[in-house]
Amino acid sequence: MSSYQYHSSLSEFIDAPEEVQNLLGIWKRLKSENNFPLKSELNPVNFRDFLGRLCVVEIKQDPLDFLYRLDGTEISASSNEDLAGHSLLDGTPKEIYQKHFAEFKTTFEAAKPVVWEVSYSIDEGDYHYLRVMLPFARDSLSTSKSPDFFITYCHSLISPTGSFDSYRQLSSDW
């Protein structure tokens, strides 16, 4: 990979655009009193305004890994990869996805909704966006203080609509 610049930091929901706050509101309505919302409550109708930029990531422990179960079409088109069924670490460029892994790990350990502000530049273009990460439980029997899934949602800070450009065409290598 050519040289790149990368920066990420935790941000505040209060500073996020309205659509990000709306997504957090949906999560809060689904949340049970003492635990995370259940993955089974992920009704696409509730998330229809977010689907193209929404990803479902399963969290595996021992060793820790993050497996994409759903990779939003707009996210896939902007990265030229559909990671559904693959580890986060399978994404390219590797250097960028290793940094994403560290962010996911920090979020897993926090076990609460977070929003990351991410910016980086690579040959294909510049990226500056918010990544919302919302924890979910596998089922109602889960007593773990750690989430089993994340729902992630990305909102571009470059585009006035929050959408991402498709810098490349999706390959069919997967």
Foldseek 3Di string as FASTA:
>chain_A
DDDKDKDKDWDDPVPDDPVSVVVVVVQVVQQDPPAGGAPVPPDCVSVVVFQQFKWKWFFDVDPTWIATQFHHNLNCLQQLHGRRGHTLCVGPPNVVSVVVVVVVVVCQVVLAWTKMFMWMADPLGIFTKIKIWGFHDHDPVDPDSGGRMIMIGIFTPVDPRSGHDRSDGHDPPD
